[in-house]
């Protein structure tokens, strides 16, 4: 993920052992997260959070896009348990094929 995609710079990290993707700003402070439970061949996306100062900037969408791209690369499907994910999918139909049937 290019730093220019993150409002104010920063990067996305995958903490697989914790079932979390997170966005950190240039100072290393966590500003958003997406938690998931890894099951065989499936990531159950359970929770997203953005720091209040970054809400409305598109940060959550950038994070979910990154997670979906990583899921596709890993060959897993997703379960959209977090309420934000179905809303995001309605705006990004190119990723609907990743939803577990």
N, C-alpha and C. Protein backbone atom coordinates (compact mmCIF):
# COMPACT_ATOMS: atom_id res chain seq x y z
N UNK A 1 0.85 -1.17 0.00
CA UNK A 1 0.00 0.00 0.00
C UNK A 1 0.89 1.23 0.00
N UNK A 2 0.66 2.12 -0.92
CA UNK A 2 1.47 3.32 -1.00
C UNK A 2 1.06 4.30 0.09
N UNK A 3 2.06 4.96 0.66
CA UNK A 3 1.80 5.91 1.73
C UNK A 3 0.86 7.03 1.30
N UNK A 4 0.89 7.41 0.02
CA UNK A 4 0.03 8.47 -0.46
C UNK A 4 -1.45 8.15 -0.34
N UNK A 5 -1.80 6.89 -0.19
CA UNK A 5 -3.20 6.48 -0.05
C UNK A 5 -3.73 6.70 1.36
N UNK A 6 -2.83 6.85 2.31
CA UNK A 6 -3.22 7.03 3.71
C UNK A 6 -3.28 8.53 3.98
N UNK A 7 -4.45 9.04 4.44
CA UNK A 7 -4.52 10.47 4.75
C UNK A 7 -3.41 10.86 5.74
N UNK A 8 -2.59 11.82 5.37
CA UNK A 8 -1.51 12.26 6.24
C UNK A 8 -0.29 11.37 6.22
N UNK A 9 -0.23 10.41 5.30
CA UNK A 9 0.90 9.48 5.23
C UNK A 9 0.65 8.28 6.12
N UNK A 10 1.66 7.46 6.30
CA UNK A 10 1.53 6.28 7.13
C UNK A 10 1.55 5.01 6.31
N UNK A 11 1.20 3.90 6.94
CA UNK A 11 1.26 2.61 6.25
C UNK A 11 0.28 1.63 6.89
N UNK A 12 0.06 0.53 6.18
CA UNK A 12 -0.81 -0.54 6.67
C UNK A 12 0.07 -1.72 7.04
N UNK A 13 -0.18 -2.27 8.22
CA UNK A 13 0.56 -3.43 8.72
C UNK A 13 -0.40 -4.59 8.92
N UNK A 14 0.08 -5.80 8.67
CA UNK A 14 -0.71 -7.01 8.92
C UNK A 14 -0.10 -7.72 10.11
N UNK A 15 -0.86 -7.82 11.18
CA UNK A 15 -0.45 -8.53 12.38
C UNK A 15 -1.21 -9.85 12.40
N UNK A 16 -0.76 -10.80 11.60
CA UNK A 16 -1.49 -12.05 11.40
C UNK A 16 -1.69 -12.82 12.70
N UNK A 17 -0.70 -12.79 13.58
CA UNK A 17 -0.81 -13.53 14.84
C UNK A 17 -1.90 -12.96 15.74
N UNK A 18 -2.30 -11.72 15.50
CA UNK A 18 -3.37 -11.08 16.27
C UNK A 18 -4.67 -10.99 15.48
N UNK A 19 -4.65 -11.43 14.22
CA UNK A 19 -5.84 -11.31 13.39
C UNK A 19 -6.22 -9.86 13.17
N UNK A 20 -5.24 -9.05 12.81
CA UNK A 20 -5.49 -7.61 12.68
C UNK A 20 -4.66 -7.01 11.55
N UNK A 21 -5.32 -6.13 10.81
CA UNK A 21 -4.64 -5.18 9.93
C UNK A 21 -4.77 -3.84 10.61
N UNK A 22 -3.72 -3.03 10.57
CA UNK A 22 -3.82 -1.72 11.19
C UNK A 22 -3.12 -0.68 10.34
N UNK A 23 -3.62 0.54 10.48
CA UNK A 23 -3.00 1.69 9.82
C UNK A 23 -2.27 2.47 10.90
N UNK A 24 -1.01 2.76 10.63
CA UNK A 24 -0.23 3.61 11.54
C UNK A 24 0.16 4.88 10.79
N UNK A 25 0.17 5.99 11.52
CA UNK A 25 0.58 7.24 10.89
C UNK A 25 2.10 7.29 10.81
N UNK A 26 2.62 8.36 10.27
CA UNK A 26 4.07 8.46 10.07
C UNK A 26 4.84 8.40 11.38
N UNK A 27 4.20 8.72 12.50
CA UNK A 27 4.84 8.64 13.81
C UNK A 27 4.71 7.28 14.47
N UNK A 28 4.05 6.34 13.78
CA UNK A 28 3.88 4.99 14.32
C UNK A 28 2.65 4.80 15.19
N UNK A 29 1.79 5.83 15.29
CA UNK A 29 0.58 5.73 16.11
C UNK A 29 -0.52 5.05 15.30
N UNK A 30 -1.19 4.06 15.91
CA UNK A 30 -2.28 3.37 15.24
C UNK A 30 -3.47 4.31 15.09
N UNK A 31 -3.99 4.42 13.85
CA UNK A 31 -5.12 5.31 13.60
C UNK A 31 -6.34 4.58 13.05
N UNK A 32 -6.19 3.31 12.70
CA UNK A 32 -7.33 2.51 12.24
C UNK A 32 -6.96 1.04 12.34
N UNK A 33 -8.00 0.20 12.43
CA UNK A 33 -7.75 -1.24 12.52
C UNK A 33 -8.92 -2.00 11.92
N UNK A 34 -8.63 -3.20 11.48
CA UNK A 34 -9.64 -4.15 11.04
C UNK A 34 -9.26 -5.49 11.64
N UNK A 35 -10.13 -6.04 12.48
CA UNK A 35 -9.89 -7.33 13.12
C UNK A 35 -10.62 -8.42 12.37
N UNK A 36 -10.02 -9.61 12.37
CA UNK A 36 -10.64 -10.76 11.71
C UNK A 36 -10.29 -12.02 12.47
N UNK A 37 -11.11 -13.04 12.26
CA UNK A 37 -10.83 -14.37 12.76
C UNK A 37 -10.50 -15.24 11.56
N UNK A 38 -9.33 -15.86 11.60
CA UNK A 38 -8.90 -16.71 10.49
C UNK A 38 -9.42 -18.13 10.71
N UNK A 39 -10.17 -18.60 9.74
CA UNK A 39 -10.67 -19.97 9.72
C UNK A 39 -10.07 -20.62 8.47
N UNK A 40 -10.13 -21.93 8.33
CA UNK A 40 -9.57 -22.55 7.12
C UNK A 40 -10.20 -21.97 5.85
N UNK A 41 -9.41 -21.24 5.08
CA UNK A 41 -9.86 -20.69 3.81
C UNK A 41 -10.76 -19.48 3.91
N UNK A 42 -10.97 -18.97 5.12
CA UNK A 42 -11.92 -17.87 5.33
C UNK A 42 -11.35 -16.88 6.34
N UNK A 43 -11.56 -15.60 6.09
CA UNK A 43 -11.34 -14.56 7.09
C UNK A 43 -12.70 -13.98 7.46
N UNK A 44 -13.07 -14.11 8.72
CA UNK A 44 -14.30 -13.51 9.23
C UNK A 44 -13.95 -12.10 9.70
N UNK A 45 -14.36 -11.10 8.93
CA UNK A 45 -14.04 -9.70 9.24
C UNK A 45 -15.01 -9.21 10.30
N UNK A 46 -14.51 -9.03 11.52
CA UNK A 46 -15.38 -8.83 12.67
C UNK A 46 -15.50 -7.40 13.16
N UNK A 47 -14.52 -6.55 12.86
CA UNK A 47 -14.52 -5.22 13.49
C UNK A 47 -13.63 -4.26 12.71
N UNK A 48 -14.13 -3.06 12.48
CA UNK A 48 -13.28 -1.98 11.96
C UNK A 48 -13.39 -0.79 12.89
N UNK A 49 -12.32 -0.04 12.96
CA UNK A 49 -12.29 1.16 13.80
C UNK A 49 -11.37 2.18 13.16
N UNK A 50 -11.80 3.43 13.14
CA UNK A 50 -10.96 4.54 12.72
C UNK A 50 -10.93 5.57 13.84
N UNK A 51 -9.76 6.12 14.10
CA UNK A 51 -9.62 7.20 15.07
C UNK A 51 -10.60 8.31 14.68
N UNK A 52 -11.31 8.90 15.66
CA UNK A 52 -12.29 9.93 15.33
C UNK A 52 -11.74 11.06 14.47
N UNK A 53 -10.48 11.40 14.63
CA UNK A 53 -9.89 12.46 13.84
C UNK A 53 -9.72 12.12 12.37
N UNK A 54 -9.87 10.85 12.02
CA UNK A 54 -9.70 10.40 10.64
C UNK A 54 -11.01 9.95 10.00
N UNK A 55 -12.10 9.99 10.75
CA UNK A 55 -13.38 9.58 10.19
C UNK A 55 -13.81 10.56 9.10
N UNK A 56 -14.38 10.03 8.04
CA UNK A 56 -14.82 10.86 6.93
C UNK A 56 -13.72 11.17 5.93
N UNK A 57 -12.53 10.62 6.14
CA UNK A 57 -11.40 10.88 5.23
C UNK A 57 -11.22 9.79 4.19
N UNK A 58 -11.98 8.70 4.31
CA UNK A 58 -11.81 7.57 3.40
C UNK A 58 -10.81 6.55 3.90
N UNK A 59 -10.28 6.76 5.11
CA UNK A 59 -9.28 5.86 5.66
C UNK A 59 -9.81 4.44 5.82
N UNK A 60 -11.02 4.27 6.33
CA UNK A 60 -11.58 2.93 6.51
C UNK A 60 -11.71 2.22 5.17
N UNK A 61 -12.11 2.94 4.14
CA UNK A 61 -12.23 2.34 2.81
C UNK A 61 -10.88 1.90 2.27
N UNK A 62 -9.85 2.72 2.48
CA UNK A 62 -8.50 2.35 2.06
C UNK A 62 -8.06 1.08 2.77
N UNK A 63 -8.34 1.00 4.07
CA UNK A 63 -7.97 -0.18 4.85
C UNK A 63 -8.71 -1.42 4.35
N UNK A 64 -10.03 -1.32 4.17
CA UNK A 64 -10.80 -2.48 3.71
C UNK A 64 -10.36 -2.90 2.31
N UNK A 65 -10.08 -1.95 1.44
CA UNK A 65 -9.59 -2.30 0.10
C UNK A 65 -8.30 -3.10 0.21
N UNK A 66 -7.40 -2.67 1.07
CA UNK A 66 -6.14 -3.39 1.27
C UNK A 66 -6.40 -4.80 1.78
N UNK A 67 -7.29 -4.93 2.76
CA UNK A 67 -7.59 -6.25 3.32
C UNK A 67 -8.20 -7.16 2.25
N UNK A 68 -9.10 -6.63 1.46
CA UNK A 68 -9.72 -7.43 0.40
C UNK A 68 -8.68 -7.87 -0.63
N UNK A 69 -7.77 -6.98 -0.98
CA UNK A 69 -6.70 -7.35 -1.91
C UNK A 69 -5.81 -8.44 -1.31
N UNK A 70 -5.54 -8.35 -0.02
CA UNK A 70 -4.73 -9.37 0.65
C UNK A 70 -5.48 -10.70 0.72
N UNK A 71 -6.79 -10.65 0.96
CA UNK A 71 -7.60 -11.88 0.99
C UNK A 71 -7.57 -12.55 -0.38
N UNK A 72 -7.72 -11.76 -1.43
CA UNK A 72 -7.68 -12.32 -2.79
C UNK A 72 -6.31 -12.96 -3.05
N UNK A 73 -5.24 -12.27 -2.68
CA UNK A 73 -3.89 -12.79 -2.89
C UNK A 73 -3.65 -14.07 -2.10
N UNK A 74 -4.26 -14.16 -0.91
CA UNK A 74 -4.08 -15.34 -0.06
C UNK A 74 -5.01 -16.49 -0.46
N UNK A 75 -5.96 -16.22 -1.37
CA UNK A 75 -6.88 -17.26 -1.81
C UNK A 75 -7.94 -17.61 -0.78
N UNK A 76 -8.30 -16.63 0.07
CA UNK A 76 -9.34 -16.88 1.07
C UNK A 76 -10.59 -16.09 0.70
N UNK A 77 -11.72 -16.53 1.24
CA UNK A 77 -12.95 -15.77 1.12
C UNK A 77 -13.18 -15.04 2.43
N UNK A 78 -14.16 -14.15 2.44
CA UNK A 78 -14.42 -13.38 3.65
C UNK A 78 -15.87 -13.55 4.10
N UNK A 79 -16.06 -13.38 5.40
CA UNK A 79 -17.39 -13.30 5.99
C UNK A 79 -17.52 -11.87 6.51
N UNK A 80 -18.50 -11.11 6.03
CA UNK A 80 -18.62 -9.70 6.41
C UNK A 80 -19.40 -9.50 7.71
N UNK A 81 -18.86 -9.95 8.83
CA UNK A 81 -19.56 -9.83 10.12
C UNK A 81 -19.61 -8.40 10.63
N UNK A 82 -18.60 -7.61 10.35
CA UNK A 82 -18.59 -6.21 10.75
C UNK A 82 -19.62 -5.45 9.92
N UNK A 83 -20.48 -4.64 10.52
CA UNK A 83 -21.52 -3.94 9.77
C UNK A 83 -21.00 -3.02 8.65
N UNK A 84 -19.79 -2.53 8.76
CA UNK A 84 -19.25 -1.64 7.73
C UNK A 84 -18.95 -2.39 6.43
N UNK A 85 -18.60 -3.66 6.52
CA UNK A 85 -18.14 -4.40 5.33
C UNK A 85 -19.24 -4.52 4.27
N UNK A 86 -20.49 -4.91 4.60
CA UNK A 86 -21.53 -4.96 3.56
C UNK A 86 -21.78 -3.59 2.90
N UNK A 87 -21.70 -2.52 3.69
CA UNK A 87 -21.85 -1.18 3.13
C UNK A 87 -20.72 -0.91 2.14
N UNK A 88 -19.50 -1.23 2.53
CA UNK A 88 -18.34 -1.04 1.66
C UNK A 88 -18.49 -1.88 0.39
N UNK A 89 -18.91 -3.14 0.54
CA UNK A 89 -19.09 -4.02 -0.62
C UNK A 89 -20.13 -3.47 -1.60
N UNK A 90 -21.17 -2.82 -1.08
CA UNK A 90 -22.19 -2.25 -1.97
C UNK A 90 -21.61 -1.15 -2.85
N UNK A 91 -20.52 -0.54 -2.41
CA UNK A 91 -19.85 0.52 -3.17
C UNK A 91 -18.68 -0.01 -4.00
N UNK A 92 -18.30 -1.26 -3.76
CA UNK A 92 -17.15 -1.87 -4.44
C UNK A 92 -17.53 -3.27 -4.92
N UNK A 93 -18.43 -3.36 -5.91
CA UNK A 93 -18.93 -4.67 -6.34
C UNK A 93 -17.86 -5.59 -6.93
N UNK A 94 -16.71 -5.07 -7.28
CA UNK A 94 -15.64 -5.92 -7.82
C UNK A 94 -15.09 -6.90 -6.79
N UNK A 95 -15.46 -6.71 -5.53
CA UNK A 95 -14.96 -7.58 -4.46
C UNK A 95 -16.01 -8.55 -3.93
N UNK A 96 -17.23 -8.47 -4.44
CA UNK A 96 -18.32 -9.32 -3.93
C UNK A 96 -18.00 -10.80 -4.09
N UNK A 97 -17.19 -11.14 -5.09
CA UNK A 97 -16.84 -12.55 -5.30
C UNK A 97 -16.04 -13.13 -4.14
N UNK A 98 -15.50 -12.29 -3.27
CA UNK A 98 -14.73 -12.78 -2.12
C UNK A 98 -15.61 -13.22 -0.95
N UNK A 99 -16.90 -12.88 -0.99
CA UNK A 99 -17.80 -13.23 0.11
C UNK A 99 -18.06 -14.73 0.08
N UNK A 100 -17.83 -15.38 1.23
CA UNK A 100 -18.06 -16.83 1.35
C UNK A 100 -19.53 -17.12 1.10
N UNK A 101 -19.78 -18.17 0.35
CA UNK A 101 -21.17 -18.56 0.04
C UNK A 101 -21.65 -19.62 0.99
